[in-house]
PDB file of N, CA and C in Angstrom:
ATOM      1  N   UNK A   1     -15.679  75.489 -62.395  1.00  0.00           N
ATOM      2  CA  UNK A   1     -15.493  76.286 -61.330  1.00  0.00           C
ATOM      3  C   UNK A   1     -15.877  75.691 -60.666  1.00  0.00           C
ATOM      4  N   UNK A   2     -17.170  75.968 -60.608  1.00  0.00           N
ATOM      5  CA  UNK A   2     -18.213  75.267 -59.692  1.00  0.00           C
ATOM      6  C   UNK A   2     -18.318  74.198 -59.490  1.00  0.00           C
ATOM      7  N   UNK A   3     -18.351  73.154 -60.156  1.00  0.00           N
ATOM      8  CA  UNK A   3     -17.839  71.830 -60.153  1.00  0.00           C
ATOM      9  C   UNK A   3     -17.183  71.154 -58.894  1.00  0.00           C
ATOM     10  N   UNK A   4     -15.523  71.632 -58.915  1.00  0.00           N
ATOM     11  CA  UNK A   4     -14.576  71.537 -58.186  1.00  0.00           C
ATOM     12  C   UNK A   4     -14.473  72.338 -57.353  1.00  0.00           C
ATOM     13  N   UNK A   5     -15.289  73.457 -57.131  1.00  0.00           N
ATOM     14  CA  UNK A   5     -15.349  73.791 -55.368  1.00  0.00           C
ATOM     15  C   UNK A   5     -16.806  72.405 -54.829  1.00  0.00           C
ATOM     16  N   UNK A   6     -17.578  72.997 -55.539  1.00  0.00           N
ATOM     17  CA  UNK A   6     -18.634  71.698 -54.740  1.00  0.00           C
ATOM     18  C   UNK A   6     -18.731  70.688 -54.358  1.00  0.00           C
ATOM     19  N   UNK A   7     -17.976  70.364 -55.314  1.00  0.00           N
ATOM     20  CA  UNK A   7     -17.810  68.152 -54.516  1.00  0.00           C
ATOM     21  C   UNK A   7     -17.313  68.141 -53.582  1.00  0.00           C
ATOM     22  N   UNK A   8     -15.723  69.395 -53.203  1.00  0.00           N
ATOM     23  CA  UNK A   8     -15.061  68.505 -51.643  1.00  0.00           C
ATOM     24  C   UNK A   8     -16.508  69.356 -51.293  1.00  0.00           C
ATOM     25  N   UNK A   9     -17.286  70.159 -51.224  1.00  0.00           N
ATOM     26  CA  UNK A   9     -17.834  70.368 -50.151  1.00  0.00           C
ATOM     27  C   UNK A   9     -19.741  69.631 -49.835  1.00  0.00           C
ATOM     28  N   UNK A  10     -19.813  68.646 -50.468  1.00  0.00           N
ATOM     29  CA  UNK A  10     -20.547  67.248 -50.260  1.00  0.00           C
ATOM     30  C   UNK A  10     -20.282  66.566 -50.125  1.00  0.00           C
ATOM     31  N   UNK A  11     -18.339  66.032 -51.009  1.00  0.00           N
ATOM     32  CA  UNK A  11     -17.838  65.138 -49.690  1.00  0.00           C
ATOM     33  C   UNK A  11     -17.618  65.548 -48.395  1.00  0.00           C
ATOM     34  N   UNK A  12     -17.174  66.156 -48.253  1.00  0.00           N
ATOM     35  CA  UNK A  12     -17.428  66.570 -46.516  1.00  0.00           C
ATOM     36  C   UNK A  12     -18.423  66.099 -45.949  1.00  0.00           C
ATOM     37  N   UNK A  13     -19.958  66.913 -46.290  1.00  0.00           N
ATOM     38  CA  UNK A  13     -21.199  66.733 -45.638  1.00  0.00           C
ATOM     39  C   UNK A  13     -21.339  65.846 -45.319  1.00  0.00           C
ATOM     40  N   UNK A  14     -21.647  64.185 -46.809  1.00  0.00           N
ATOM     41  CA  UNK A  14     -21.466  63.329 -46.871  1.00  0.00           C
ATOM     42  C   UNK A  14     -20.549  62.295 -45.606  1.00  0.00           C
ATOM     43  N   UNK A  15     -18.836  63.113 -45.343  1.00  0.00           N
ATOM     44  CA  UNK A  15     -18.507  62.209 -44.220  1.00  0.00           C
ATOM     45  C   UNK A  15     -18.974  62.499 -42.473  1.00  0.00           C
ATOM     46  N   UNK A  16     -18.955  64.115 -42.678  1.00  0.00           N
ATOM     47  CA  UNK A  16     -19.791  64.669 -41.748  1.00  0.00           C
ATOM     48  C   UNK A  16     -20.491  62.950 -40.938  1.00  0.00           C
ATOM     49  N   UNK A  17     -22.074  63.623 -42.384  1.00  0.00           N
ATOM     50  CA  UNK A  17     -23.031  62.961 -41.392  1.00  0.00           C
ATOM     51  C   UNK A  17     -23.194  61.916 -41.571  1.00  0.00           C
ATOM     52  N   UNK A  18     -22.755  60.778 -42.405  1.00  0.00           N
ATOM     53  CA  UNK A  18     -22.363  59.405 -42.691  1.00  0.00           C
ATOM     54  C   UNK A  18     -22.247  58.991 -41.569  1.00  0.00           C
ATOM     55  N   UNK A  19     -21.514  58.727 -40.048  1.00  0.00           N
ATOM     56  CA  UNK A  19     -21.205  58.699 -38.804  1.00  0.00           C
ATOM     57  C   UNK A  19     -22.258  58.336 -37.930  1.00  0.00           C
ATOM     58  N   UNK A  20     -22.757  60.487 -38.007  1.00  0.00           N
ATOM     59  CA  UNK A  20     -23.937  59.730 -36.844  1.00  0.00           C
ATOM     60  C   UNK A  20     -25.347  58.977 -37.642  1.00  0.00           C
ATOM     61  N   UNK A  21     -25.518  58.207 -38.836  1.00  0.00           N
ATOM     62  CA  UNK A  21     -26.444  57.343 -38.935  1.00  0.00           C
ATOM     63  C   UNK A  21     -27.479  57.690 -38.766  1.00  0.00           C
ATOM     64  N   UNK A  22     -28.519  56.613 -38.690  1.00  0.00           N
ATOM     65  CA  UNK A  22     -30.058  57.067 -38.368  1.00  0.00           C
ATOM     66  C   UNK A  22     -30.111  56.489 -36.964  1.00  0.00           C
ATOM     67  N   UNK A  23     -31.034  56.764 -36.319  1.00  0.00           N
ATOM     68  CA  UNK A  23     -30.876  57.053 -34.326  1.00  0.00           C
ATOM     69  C   UNK A  23     -31.133  55.137 -34.178  1.00  0.00           C
ATOM     70  N   UNK A  24     -30.482  54.580 -32.810  1.00  0.00           N
ATOM     71  CA  UNK A  24     -31.682  53.509 -32.579  1.00  0.00           C
ATOM     72  C   UNK A  24     -32.319  53.670 -31.905  1.00  0.00           C
ATOM     73  N   UNK A  25     -33.242  53.144 -32.403  1.00  0.00           N
ATOM     74  CA  UNK A  25     -34.508  52.238 -31.578  1.00  0.00           C
ATOM     75  C   UNK A  25     -34.341  52.079 -30.356  1.00  0.00           C
ATOM     76  N   UNK A  26     -34.389  52.223 -29.288  1.00  0.00           N
ATOM     77  CA  UNK A  26     -34.701  52.023 -27.719  1.00  0.00           C
ATOM     78  C   UNK A  26     -35.336  50.508 -28.099  1.00  0.00           C
ATOM     79  N   UNK A  27     -34.486  50.291 -26.852  1.00  0.00           N
ATOM     80  CA  UNK A  27     -35.542  48.141 -26.395  1.00  0.00           C
ATOM     81  C   UNK A  27     -36.687  48.387 -26.069  1.00  0.00           C
ATOM     82  N   UNK A  28     -37.784  47.199 -27.135  1.00  0.00           N
ATOM     83  CA  UNK A  28     -38.479  47.182 -26.996  1.00  0.00           C
ATOM     84  C   UNK A  28     -38.542  47.354 -24.847  1.00  0.00           C
ATOM     85  N   UNK A  29     -39.805  47.601 -24.882  1.00  0.00           N
ATOM     86  CA  UNK A  29     -40.319  46.821 -23.434  1.00  0.00           C
ATOM     87  C   UNK A  29     -41.043  45.510 -22.959  1.00  0.00           C
ATOM     88  N   UNK A  30     -40.582  44.812 -21.913  1.00  0.00           N
ATOM     89  CA  UNK A  30     -40.191  43.308 -21.739  1.00  0.00           C
ATOM     90  C   UNK A  30     -39.844  42.595 -21.172  1.00  0.00           C
ATOM     91  N   UNK A  31     -40.014  41.808 -21.788  1.00  0.00           N
ATOM     92  CA  UNK A  31     -38.384  40.448 -20.529  1.00  0.00           C
ATOM     93  C   UNK A  31     -37.395  40.666 -21.286  1.00  0.00           C
ATOM     94  N   UNK A  32     -36.259  40.906 -20.230  1.00  0.00           N
ATOM     95  CA  UNK A  32     -34.493  41.132 -20.771  1.00  0.00           C
ATOM     96  C   UNK A  32     -34.091  40.088 -20.807  1.00  0.00           C
ATOM     97  N   UNK A  33     -34.616  38.475 -20.363  1.00  0.00           N
ATOM     98  CA  UNK A  33     -34.211  37.284 -20.767  1.00  0.00           C
ATOM     99  C   UNK A  33     -35.276  37.264 -20.637  1.00  0.00           C
ATOM    100  N   UNK A  34     -35.700  35.566 -21.332  1.00  0.00           N
ATOM    101  CA  UNK A  34     -36.412  35.180 -21.740  1.00  0.00           C
ATOM    102  C   UNK A  34     -36.668  33.304 -20.362  1.00  0.00           C
ATOM    103  N   UNK A  35     -36.742  33.385 -19.349  1.00  0.00           N
ATOM    104  CA  UNK A  35     -37.375  32.067 -18.076  1.00  0.00           C
ATOM    105  C   UNK A  35     -37.380  30.647 -19.875  1.00  0.00           C
ATOM    106  N   UNK A  36     -35.884  30.298 -18.755  1.00  0.00           N
ATOM    107  CA  UNK A  36     -36.306  28.543 -19.128  1.00  0.00           C
ATOM    108  C   UNK A  36     -36.357  27.134 -18.469  1.00  0.00           C
ATOM    109  N   UNK A  37     -38.029  26.844 -18.910  1.00  0.00           N
ATOM    110  CA  UNK A  37     -38.553  26.134 -17.977  1.00  0.00           C
ATOM    111  C   UNK A  37     -37.475  24.875 -17.776  1.00  0.00           C
ATOM    112  N   UNK A  38     -37.112  23.913 -16.919  1.00  0.00           N
ATOM    113  CA  UNK A  38     -36.094  22.587 -16.515  1.00  0.00           C
ATOM    114  C   UNK A  38     -37.537  21.715 -16.302  1.00  0.00           C
ATOM    115  N   UNK A  39     -37.093  20.851 -16.555  1.00  0.00           N
ATOM    116  CA  UNK A  39     -37.808  19.122 -15.627  1.00  0.00           C
ATOM    117  C   UNK A  39     -38.536  19.249 -15.064  1.00  0.00           C
ATOM    118  N   UNK A  40     -38.328  20.078 -14.027  1.00  0.00           N
ATOM    119  CA  UNK A  40     -38.284  20.147 -12.454  1.00  0.00           C
ATOM    120  C   UNK A  40     -39.311  21.289 -12.193  1.00  0.00           C
ATOM    121  N   UNK A  41     -39.452  22.702 -13.093  1.00  0.00           N
ATOM    122  CA  UNK A  41     -40.406  23.170 -13.046  1.00  0.00           C
ATOM    123  C   UNK A  41     -41.817  22.499 -13.860  1.00  0.00           C
ATOM    124  N   UNK A  42     -41.602  21.466 -14.960  1.00  0.00           N
ATOM    125  CA  UNK A  42     -42.581  21.750 -15.297  1.00  0.00           C
ATOM    126  C   UNK A  42     -43.299  20.448 -14.637  1.00  0.00           C
ATOM    127  N   UNK A  43     -43.139  20.013 -13.846  1.00  0.00           N
ATOM    128  CA  UNK A  43     -43.099  18.634 -13.099  1.00  0.00           C
ATOM    129  C   UNK A  43     -43.818  19.488 -11.802  1.00  0.00           C
ATOM    130  N   UNK A  44     -43.114  20.488 -11.479  1.00  0.00           N
ATOM    131  CA  UNK A  44     -44.265  20.867 -10.621  1.00  0.00           C
ATOM    132  C   UNK A  44     -45.167  22.063 -11.177  1.00  0.00           C
ATOM    133  N   UNK A  45     -45.464  22.442 -12.442  1.00  0.00           N
ATOM    134  CA  UNK A  45     -46.809  22.866 -12.157  1.00  0.00           C
ATOM    135  C   UNK A  45     -47.434  21.662 -13.293  1.00  0.00           C
ATOM    136  N   UNK A  46     -47.614  20.080 -12.804  1.00  0.00           N
ATOM    137  CA  UNK A  46     -48.208  19.113 -13.828  1.00  0.00           C
ATOM    138  C   UNK A  46     -49.319  18.976 -12.712  1.00  0.00           C
ATOM    139  N   UNK A  47     -48.116  18.975 -11.541  1.00  0.00           N
ATOM    140  CA  UNK A  47     -48.694  18.165 -10.577  1.00  0.00           C
ATOM    141  C   UNK A  47     -49.302  19.254  -9.639  1.00  0.00           C
ATOM    142  N   UNK A  48     -49.458  20.886  -9.503  1.00  0.00           N
ATOM    143  CA  UNK A  48     -50.545  21.879  -9.211  1.00  0.00           C
ATOM    144  C   UNK A  48     -51.562  22.069 -10.332  1.00  0.00           C
ATOM    145  N   UNK A  49     -51.395  22.007 -11.704  1.00  0.00           N
ATOM    146  CA  UNK A  49     -52.219  21.817 -12.514  1.00  0.00           C
ATOM    147  C   UNK A  49     -53.097  20.820 -12.904  1.00  0.00           C
ATOM    148  N   UNK A  50     -53.295  19.566 -13.177  1.00  0.00           N
ATOM    149  CA  UNK A  50     -53.668  18.325 -13.262  1.00  0.00           C
ATOM    150  C   UNK A  50     -54.013  17.840 -12.196  1.00  0.00           C
ATOM    151  N   UNK A  51     -55.281  17.672 -11.569  1.00  0.00           N
ATOM    152  CA  UNK A  51     -55.773  16.155 -10.427  1.00  0.00           C
ATOM    153  C   UNK A  51     -57.390  15.712 -11.289  1.00  0.00           C
ATOM    154  N   UNK A  52     -57.424  14.857 -10.115  1.00  0.00           N
ATOM    155  CA  UNK A  52     -58.876  13.879 -11.127  1.00  0.00           C
ATOM    156  C   UNK A  52     -59.746  14.389 -11.763  1.00  0.00           C
ATOM    157  N   UNK A  53     -60.173  15.710 -10.706  1.00  0.00           N
ATOM    158  CA  UNK A  53     -60.673  16.188 -11.508  1.00  0.00           C
ATOM    159  C   UNK A  53     -60.725  16.619 -12.523  1.00  0.00           C
ATOM    160  N   UNK A  54     -59.681  16.930 -13.794  1.00  0.00           N
ATOM    161  CA  UNK A  54     -59.527  17.716 -14.555  1.00  0.00           C
ATOM    162  C   UNK A  54     -58.454  16.955 -15.632  1.00  0.00           C
ATOM    163  N   UNK A  55     -58.344  14.665 -14.956  1.00  0.00           N
ATOM    164  CA  UNK A  55     -57.223  14.348 -15.817  1.00  0.00           C
ATOM    165  C   UNK A  55     -57.967  13.570 -17.321  1.00  0.00           C
ATOM    166  N   UNK A  56     -58.575  14.044 -17.428  1.00  0.00           N
ATOM    167  CA  UNK A  56     -58.958  13.545 -18.696  1.00  0.00           C
ATOM    168  C   UNK A  56     -59.393  14.696 -19.341  1.00  0.00           C
ATOM    169  N   UNK A  57     -59.219  15.474 -19.118  1.00  0.00           N
ATOM    170  CA  UNK A  57     -58.900  16.598 -20.363  1.00  0.00           C
ATOM    171  C   UNK A  57     -58.026  16.916 -21.060  1.00  0.00           C
ATOM    172  N   UNK A  58     -57.731  16.751 -19.608  1.00  0.00           N
ATOM    173  CA  UNK A  58     -55.297  16.884 -19.671  1.00  0.00           C
ATOM    174  C   UNK A  58     -54.916  15.851 -20.575  1.00  0.00           C
ATOM    175  N   UNK A  59     -55.728  14.437 -20.420  1.00  0.00           N
ATOM    176  CA  UNK A  59     -54.920  13.901 -21.310  1.00  0.00           C
ATOM    177  C   UNK A  59     -55.207  14.093 -22.713  1.00  0.00           C
ATOM    178  N   UNK A  60     -56.773  14.473 -23.203  1.00  0.00           N
ATOM    179  CA  UNK A  60     -57.407  15.187 -24.427  1.00  0.00           C
ATOM    180  C   UNK A  60     -56.456  15.911 -24.826  1.00  0.00           C
ATOM    181  N   UNK A  61     -56.004  16.516 -24.177  1.00  0.00           N
ATOM    182  CA  UNK A  61     -55.641  17.997 -24.532  1.00  0.00           C
ATOM    183  C   UNK A  61     -54.598  16.970 -25.319  1.00  0.00           C
ATOM    184  N   UNK A  62     -53.840  16.949 -24.722  1.00  0.00           N
ATOM    185  CA  UNK A  62     -52.713  16.069 -24.714  1.00  0.00           C
ATOM    186  C   UNK A  62     -52.329  15.769 -26.361  1.00  0.00           C
ATOM    187  N   UNK A  63     -53.589  14.589 -26.042  1.00  0.00           N
ATOM    188  CA  UNK A  63     -53.920  13.410 -27.148  1.00  0.00           C
ATOM    189  C   UNK A  63     -53.757  14.311 -28.705  1.00  0.00           C
ATOM    190  N   UNK A  64     -54.457  15.456 -28.852  1.00  0.00           N
ATOM    191  CA  UNK A  64     -55.519  15.998 -29.679  1.00  0.00           C
ATOM    192  C   UNK A  64     -54.217  16.975 -30.439  1.00  0.00           C
ATOM    193  N   UNK A  65     -52.986  17.020 -29.578  1.00  0.00           N
ATOM    194  CA  UNK A  65     -52.319  18.313 -29.629  1.00  0.00           C
ATOM    195  C   UNK A  65     -50.902  17.827 -30.483  1.00  0.00           C
ATOM    196  N   UNK A  66     -50.805  16.307 -30.199  1.00  0.00           N
ATOM    197  CA  UNK A  66     -49.774  15.698 -30.330  1.00  0.00           C
ATOM    198  C   UNK A  66     -50.466  14.644 -32.088  1.00  0.00           C
ATOM    199  N   UNK A  67     -51.844  15.125 -32.190  1.00  0.00           N
ATOM    200  CA  UNK A  67     -52.604  14.495 -33.531  1.00  0.00           C
ATOM    201  C   UNK A  67     -52.318  15.713 -34.230  1.00  0.00           C
ATOM    202  N   UNK A  68     -52.200  16.688 -34.265  1.00  0.00           N
ATOM    203  CA  UNK A  68     -52.279  17.381 -34.979  1.00  0.00           C
ATOM    204  C   UNK A  68     -50.984  17.813 -34.973  1.00  0.00           C
ATOM    205  N   UNK A  69     -49.927  17.810 -34.680  1.00  0.00           N
ATOM    206  CA  UNK A  69     -48.770  17.624 -34.583  1.00  0.00           C
ATOM    207  C   UNK A  69     -47.883  16.494 -35.589  1.00  0.00           C
ATOM    208  N   UNK A  70     -48.875  15.456 -35.551  1.00  0.00           N
ATOM    209  CA  UNK A  70     -48.102  14.001 -36.818  1.00  0.00           C
ATOM    210  C   UNK A  70     -49.074  14.602 -38.018  1.00  0.00           C
ATOM    211  N   UNK A  71     -50.305  15.320 -37.660  1.00  0.00           N
ATOM    212  CA  UNK A  71     -50.465  15.457 -39.519  1.00  0.00           C
ATOM    213  C   UNK A  71     -49.851  17.110 -39.612  1.00  0.00           C
ATOM    214  N   UNK A  72     -48.699  18.117 -39.402  1.00  0.00           N
ATOM    215  CA  UNK A  72     -48.055  18.699 -40.116  1.00  0.00           C
ATOM    216  C   UNK A  72     -46.460  18.485 -40.766  1.00  0.00           C
ATOM    217  N   UNK A  73     -46.787  17.043 -39.438  1.00  0.00           N
ATOM    218  CA  UNK A  73     -44.954  17.167 -40.208  1.00  0.00           C
ATOM    219  C   UNK A  73     -45.411  16.331 -42.004  1.00  0.00           C
ATOM    220  N   UNK A  74     -44.558  16.354 -43.042  1.00  0.00           N
ATOM    221  CA  UNK A  74     -44.641  16.055 -44.057  1.00  0.00           C
ATOM    222  C   UNK A  74     -44.299  14.663 -44.448  1.00  0.00           C
TER     223      UNK A  74
END
């Protein structure tokens, strides 16, 4: 008898509590949209960052990055 009364109560509680579910966490703080650089933006950055004084060092950085990338590929 107790079982017949207890089962509907438990089912009712489950039905009422399931839609509530877990609280959704707030979105992480940070940029809503990640900015995508265009070719023009890359060219503008290169003009600003690379000059005759650091040209050799920048070229060396690019060559090292390419060498590492080639060695990582199977």
